[in-house]
Structure formats: structure tokens, C-alpha cells
Amino acid sequence: MKKLLIPIMILAIGFAFYEQSKENSNIYIQIIAIVIFMYGMMRLSAKIPSKNKDNLDEDAS
């Protein structure tokens, strides 16, 4: 999944920058591209474990 998600994110942000450089850029296309990029970042960062997980468990006691 990660191998598919990273190229999609790169294409989305590249397309957003390309659309922004146009004379008459469409804001809705830019918004959709940014949403796709942010969704991809959310999916990728969800797999990174928290380094403070042990501290959170001790504070809950």
C-alpha cells in the first residue's frame, strides 16, 4: 500500500503546483489535490509508532 500511496501523493502535489502556476488556475482542483496529499500523509503517519507511548501508559495510572 505504501508503494502505491507515495507516488499518488507526489502526483497530487505536483498537479497542485502545476495548476497554481497557470494564469487562470482552478481553486477546486488545487483543493482536491491538497486533500489527496493530506490524506496520504495521514495514512503514512498512522503507521509510525509514538515514541511517548510508554509515558502515556504510566500517566494514565
PDB file of N, CA and C in Angstrom:
ATOM      1  N   MET A   1       0.828  -1.192   0.000  1.00  0.00           N
ATOM      2  CA  MET A   1       0.000   0.000   0.000  1.00  0.00           C
ATOM      3  C   MET A   1       0.872   1.256   0.000  1.00  0.00           C
ATOM      4  N   LYS A   2       1.970   1.196   0.776  1.00  0.00           N
ATOM      5  CA  LYS A   2       2.855   2.351   0.868  1.00  0.00           C
ATOM      6  C   LYS A   2       3.491   2.655  -0.480  1.00  0.00           C
ATOM      7  N   LYS A   3       3.800   1.594  -1.245  1.00  0.00           N
ATOM      8  CA  LYS A   3       4.419   1.786  -2.557  1.00  0.00           C
ATOM      9  C   LYS A   3       3.472   2.458  -3.532  1.00  0.00           C
ATOM     10  N   LEU A   4       2.195   2.306  -3.339  1.00  0.00           N
ATOM     11  CA  LEU A   4       1.206   2.935  -4.193  1.00  0.00           C
ATOM     12  C   LEU A   4       0.852   4.343  -3.703  1.00  0.00           C
ATOM     13  N   LEU A   5       0.862   4.540  -2.407  1.00  0.00           N
ATOM     14  CA  LEU A   5       0.435   5.801  -1.814  1.00  0.00           C
ATOM     15  C   LEU A   5       1.424   6.933  -2.066  1.00  0.00           C
ATOM     16  N   ILE A   6       2.697   6.650  -1.989  1.00  0.00           N
ATOM     17  CA  ILE A   6       3.706   7.699  -2.158  1.00  0.00           C
ATOM     18  C   ILE A   6       3.677   8.298  -3.566  1.00  0.00           C
ATOM     19  N   PRO A   7       3.642   7.488  -4.639  1.00  0.00           N
ATOM     20  CA  PRO A   7       3.556   8.118  -5.971  1.00  0.00           C
ATOM     21  C   PRO A   7       2.266   8.910  -6.189  1.00  0.00           C
ATOM     22  N   ILE A   8       1.167   8.441  -5.632  1.00  0.00           N
ATOM     23  CA  ILE A   8      -0.088   9.187  -5.762  1.00  0.00           C
ATOM     24  C   ILE A   8       0.024  10.536  -5.073  1.00  0.00           C
ATOM     25  N   MET A   9       0.666  10.562  -3.905  1.00  0.00           N
ATOM     26  CA  MET A   9       0.846  11.825  -3.186  1.00  0.00           C
ATOM     27  C   MET A   9       1.754  12.772  -3.971  1.00  0.00           C
ATOM     28  N   ILE A  10       2.824  12.243  -4.545  1.00  0.00           N
ATOM     29  CA  ILE A  10       3.741  13.078  -5.326  1.00  0.00           C
ATOM     30  C   ILE A  10       3.025  13.651  -6.547  1.00  0.00           C
ATOM     31  N   LEU A  11       2.237  12.827  -7.226  1.00  0.00           N
ATOM     32  CA  LEU A  11       1.481  13.315  -8.378  1.00  0.00           C
ATOM     33  C   LEU A  11       0.462  14.376  -7.978  1.00  0.00           C
ATOM     34  N   ALA A  12      -0.208  14.171  -6.852  1.00  0.00           N
ATOM     35  CA  ALA A  12      -1.231  15.131  -6.414  1.00  0.00           C
ATOM     36  C   ALA A  12      -0.602  16.483  -6.094  1.00  0.00           C
ATOM     37  N   ILE A  13       0.503  16.497  -5.371  1.00  0.00           N
ATOM     38  CA  ILE A  13       1.107  17.776  -5.003  1.00  0.00           C
ATOM     39  C   ILE A  13       1.749  18.428  -6.223  1.00  0.00           C
ATOM     40  N   GLY A  14       2.294  17.611  -7.126  1.00  0.00           N
ATOM     41  CA  GLY A  14       2.838  18.155  -8.369  1.00  0.00           C
ATOM     42  C   GLY A  14       1.753  18.782  -9.224  1.00  0.00           C
ATOM     43  N   PHE A  15       0.619  18.127  -9.292  1.00  0.00           N
ATOM     44  CA  PHE A  15      -0.505  18.665 -10.064  1.00  0.00           C
ATOM     45  C   PHE A  15      -1.027  19.949  -9.432  1.00  0.00           C
ATOM     46  N   ALA A  16      -1.039  20.014  -8.095  1.00  0.00           N
ATOM     47  CA  ALA A  16      -1.493  21.233  -7.416  1.00  0.00           C
ATOM     48  C   ALA A  16      -0.552  22.399  -7.731  1.00  0.00           C
ATOM     49  N   PHE A  17       0.757  22.144  -7.712  1.00  0.00           N
ATOM     50  CA  PHE A  17       1.708  23.208  -8.048  1.00  0.00           C
ATOM     51  C   PHE A  17       1.587  23.625  -9.518  1.00  0.00           C
ATOM     52  N   TYR A  18       1.379  22.647 -10.403  1.00  0.00           N
ATOM     53  CA  TYR A  18       1.205  22.965 -11.820  1.00  0.00           C
ATOM     54  C   TYR A  18      -0.047  23.815 -12.027  1.00  0.00           C
ATOM     55  N   GLU A  19      -1.114  23.454 -11.367  1.00  0.00           N
ATOM     56  CA  GLU A  19      -2.374  24.191 -11.501  1.00  0.00           C
ATOM     57  C   GLU A  19      -2.224  25.609 -10.951  1.00  0.00           C
ATOM     58  N   GLN A  20      -1.437  25.758  -9.911  1.00  0.00           N
ATOM     59  CA  GLN A  20      -1.230  27.074  -9.309  1.00  0.00           C
ATOM     60  C   GLN A  20      -0.435  27.989 -10.239  1.00  0.00           C
ATOM     61  N   SER A  21       0.434  27.421 -11.055  1.00  0.00           N
ATOM     62  CA  SER A  21       1.279  28.236 -11.922  1.00  0.00           C
ATOM     63  C   SER A  21       0.545  28.738 -13.159  1.00  0.00           C
ATOM     64  N   LYS A  22      -0.637  28.221 -13.419  1.00  0.00           N
ATOM     65  CA  LYS A  22      -1.408  28.663 -14.585  1.00  0.00           C
ATOM     66  C   LYS A  22      -1.920  30.091 -14.385  1.00  0.00           C
ATOM     67  N   GLU A  23      -2.227  30.732 -15.503  1.00  0.00           N
ATOM     68  CA  GLU A  23      -2.778  32.093 -15.453  1.00  0.00           C
ATOM     69  C   GLU A  23      -4.149  32.097 -14.768  1.00  0.00           C
ATOM     70  N   ASN A  24      -5.039  31.181 -15.190  1.00  0.00           N
ATOM     71  CA  ASN A  24      -6.374  31.070 -14.603  1.00  0.00           C
ATOM     72  C   ASN A  24      -6.486  29.712 -13.927  1.00  0.00           C
ATOM     73  N   SER A  25      -5.976  29.617 -12.725  1.00  0.00           N
ATOM     74  CA  SER A  25      -5.982  28.324 -12.031  1.00  0.00           C
ATOM     75  C   SER A  25      -7.349  28.063 -11.399  1.00  0.00           C
ATOM     76  N   ASN A  26      -7.715  26.797 -11.343  1.00  0.00           N
ATOM     77  CA  ASN A  26      -8.978  26.386 -10.756  1.00  0.00           C
ATOM     78  C   ASN A  26      -8.731  26.012  -9.299  1.00  0.00           C
ATOM     79  N   ILE A  27      -9.328  26.733  -8.385  1.00  0.00           N
ATOM     80  CA  ILE A  27      -9.095  26.544  -6.956  1.00  0.00           C
ATOM     81  C   ILE A  27      -9.611  25.193  -6.482  1.00  0.00           C
ATOM     82  N   TYR A  28     -10.668  24.690  -7.103  1.00  0.00           N
ATOM     83  CA  TYR A  28     -11.237  23.414  -6.681  1.00  0.00           C
ATOM     84  C   TYR A  28     -10.297  22.247  -7.000  1.00  0.00           C
ATOM     85  N   ILE A  29      -9.614  22.316  -8.123  1.00  0.00           N
ATOM     86  CA  ILE A  29      -8.636  21.278  -8.458  1.00  0.00           C
ATOM     87  C   ILE A  29      -7.487  21.311  -7.456  1.00  0.00           C
ATOM     88  N   GLN A  30      -7.056  22.506  -7.074  1.00  0.00           N
ATOM     89  CA  GLN A  30      -5.987  22.641  -6.085  1.00  0.00           C
ATOM     90  C   GLN A  30      -6.423  22.070  -4.737  1.00  0.00           C
ATOM     91  N   ILE A  31      -7.645  22.347  -4.336  1.00  0.00           N
ATOM     92  CA  ILE A  31      -8.155  21.852  -3.052  1.00  0.00           C
ATOM     93  C   ILE A  31      -8.212  20.329  -3.062  1.00  0.00           C
ATOM     94  N   ILE A  32      -8.692  19.744  -4.142  1.00  0.00           N
ATOM     95  CA  ILE A  32      -8.774  18.281  -4.233  1.00  0.00           C
ATOM     96  C   ILE A  32      -7.384  17.662  -4.172  1.00  0.00           C
ATOM     97  N   ALA A  33      -6.414  18.271  -4.859  1.00  0.00           N
ATOM     98  CA  ALA A  33      -5.048  17.754  -4.844  1.00  0.00           C
ATOM     99  C   ALA A  33      -4.446  17.842  -3.439  1.00  0.00           C
ATOM    100  N   ILE A  34      -4.675  18.918  -2.729  1.00  0.00           N
ATOM    101  CA  ILE A  34      -4.157  19.067  -1.368  1.00  0.00           C
ATOM    102  C   ILE A  34      -4.831  18.080  -0.419  1.00  0.00           C
ATOM    103  N   VAL A  35      -6.135  17.852  -0.586  1.00  0.00           N
ATOM    104  CA  VAL A  35      -6.845  16.879   0.249  1.00  0.00           C
ATOM    105  C   VAL A  35      -6.286  15.475   0.024  1.00  0.00           C
ATOM    106  N   ILE A  36      -6.015  15.118  -1.226  1.00  0.00           N
ATOM    107  CA  ILE A  36      -5.421  13.807  -1.519  1.00  0.00           C
ATOM    108  C   ILE A  36      -4.051  13.695  -0.862  1.00  0.00           C
ATOM    109  N   PHE A  37      -3.252  14.765  -0.955  1.00  0.00           N
ATOM    110  CA  PHE A  37      -1.926  14.754  -0.335  1.00  0.00           C
ATOM    111  C   PHE A  37      -2.024  14.616   1.185  1.00  0.00           C
ATOM    112  N   MET A  38      -2.898  15.375   1.806  1.00  0.00           N
ATOM    113  CA  MET A  38      -3.030  15.324   3.272  1.00  0.00           C
ATOM    114  C   MET A  38      -3.573  13.971   3.728  1.00  0.00           C
ATOM    115  N   TYR A  39      -4.484  13.383   2.975  1.00  0.00           N
ATOM    116  CA  TYR A  39      -4.995  12.051   3.309  1.00  0.00           C
ATOM    117  C   TYR A  39      -3.872  11.019   3.242  1.00  0.00           C
ATOM    118  N   GLY A  40      -3.041  11.126   2.222  1.00  0.00           N
ATOM    119  CA  GLY A  40      -1.896  10.225   2.108  1.00  0.00           C
ATOM    120  C   GLY A  40      -0.919  10.393   3.257  1.00  0.00           C
ATOM    121  N   MET A  41      -0.657  11.631   3.651  1.00  0.00           N
ATOM    122  CA  MET A  41       0.235  11.873   4.786  1.00  0.00           C
ATOM    123  C   MET A  41      -0.358  11.304   6.075  1.00  0.00           C
ATOM    124  N   MET A  42      -1.671  11.423   6.225  1.00  0.00           N
ATOM    125  CA  MET A  42      -2.331  10.877   7.412  1.00  0.00           C
ATOM    126  C   MET A  42      -2.175   9.365   7.452  1.00  0.00           C
ATOM    127  N   ARG A  43      -2.376   8.706   6.298  1.00  0.00           N
ATOM    128  CA  ARG A  43      -2.251   7.244   6.237  1.00  0.00           C
ATOM    129  C   ARG A  43      -0.818   6.793   6.520  1.00  0.00           C
ATOM    130  N   LEU A  44       0.157   7.532   6.000  1.00  0.00           N
ATOM    131  CA  LEU A  44       1.552   7.157   6.230  1.00  0.00           C
ATOM    132  C   LEU A  44       1.974   7.408   7.672  1.00  0.00           C
ATOM    133  N   SER A  45       1.554   8.517   8.259  1.00  0.00           N
ATOM    134  CA  SER A  45       1.969   8.832   9.618  1.00  0.00           C
ATOM    135  C   SER A  45       1.248   7.967  10.649  1.00  0.00           C
ATOM    136  N   ALA A  46       0.134   7.353  10.295  1.00  0.00           N
ATOM    137  CA  ALA A  46      -0.582   6.483  11.230  1.00  0.00           C
ATOM    138  C   ALA A  46       0.220   5.216  11.514  1.00  0.00           C
ATOM    139  N   LYS A  47       1.132   4.855  10.626  1.00  0.00           N
ATOM    140  CA  LYS A  47       1.923   3.642  10.802  1.00  0.00           C
ATOM    141  C   LYS A  47       3.164   3.872  11.652  1.00  0.00           C
ATOM    142  N   ILE A  48       3.487   5.116  11.954  1.00  0.00           N
ATOM    143  CA  ILE A  48       4.658   5.427  12.765  1.00  0.00           C
ATOM    144  C   ILE A  48       4.260   5.343  14.235  1.00  0.00           C
ATOM    145  N   PRO A  49       4.928   4.504  15.021  1.00  0.00           N
ATOM    146  CA  PRO A  49       4.564   4.392  16.430  1.00  0.00           C
ATOM    147  C   PRO A  49       4.992   5.636  17.223  1.00  0.00           C
ATOM    148  N   SER A  50       4.244   5.937  18.237  1.00  0.00           N
ATOM    149  CA  SER A  50       4.557   7.073  19.089  1.00  0.00           C
ATOM    150  C   SER A  50       5.748   6.741  19.963  1.00  0.00           C
ATOM    151  N   LYS A  51       6.708   7.670  20.083  1.00  0.00           N
ATOM    152  CA  LYS A  51       7.865   7.407  20.932  1.00  0.00           C
ATOM    153  C   LYS A  51       7.523   7.637  22.407  1.00  0.00           C
ATOM    154  N   ASN A  52       6.397   8.265  22.693  1.00  0.00           N
ATOM    155  CA  ASN A  52       5.985   8.524  24.067  1.00  0.00           C
ATOM    156  C   ASN A  52       4.882   7.579  24.523  1.00  0.00           C
ATOM    157  N   LYS A  53       4.709   6.452  23.867  1.00  0.00           N
ATOM    158  CA  LYS A  53       3.627   5.542  24.206  1.00  0.00           C
ATOM    159  C   LYS A  53       3.786   5.003  25.627  1.00  0.00           C
ATOM    160  N   ASP A  54       5.006   4.683  26.048  1.00  0.00           N
ATOM    161  CA  ASP A  54       5.235   4.194  27.398  1.00  0.00           C
ATOM    162  C   ASP A  54       4.923   5.269  28.426  1.00  0.00           C
ATOM    163  N   ASN A  55       5.281   6.511  28.128  1.00  0.00           N
ATOM    164  CA  ASN A  55       4.998   7.605  29.050  1.00  0.00           C
ATOM    165  C   ASN A  55       3.500   7.829  29.189  1.00  0.00           C
ATOM    166  N   LEU A  56       2.744   7.690  28.125  1.00  0.00           N
ATOM    167  CA  LEU A  56       1.310   7.870  28.197  1.00  0.00           C
ATOM    168  C   LEU A  56       0.645   6.795  29.043  1.00  0.00           C
ATOM    169  N   ASP A  57       1.142   5.561  28.958  1.00  0.00           N
ATOM    170  CA  ASP A  57       0.597   4.467  29.758  1.00  0.00           C
ATOM    171  C   ASP A  57       0.871   4.700  31.249  1.00  0.00           C
ATOM    172  N   GLU A  58       2.031   5.215  31.597  1.00  0.00           N
ATOM    173  CA  GLU A  58       2.360   5.461  33.006  1.00  0.00           C
ATOM    174  C   GLU A  58       1.552   6.611  33.564  1.00  0.00           C
ATOM    175  N   ASP A  59       1.281   7.629  32.763  1.00  0.00           N
ATOM    176  CA  ASP A  59       0.500   8.778  33.231  1.00  0.00           C
ATOM    177  C   ASP A  59      -0.949   8.410  33.483  1.00  0.00           C
ATOM    178  N   ALA A  60      -1.469   7.425  32.793  1.00  0.00           N
ATOM    179  CA  ALA A  60      -2.864   7.022  32.940  1.00  0.00           C
ATOM    180  C   ALA A  60      -3.107   6.323  34.270  1.00  0.00           C
ATOM    181  N   SER A  61      -2.090   5.761  34.876  1.00  0.00           N
ATOM    182  CA  SER A  61      -2.256   5.014  36.139  1.00  0.00           C
ATOM    183  C   SER A  61      -2.546   5.917  37.301  1.00  0.00           C
TER     184      SER A  61
END
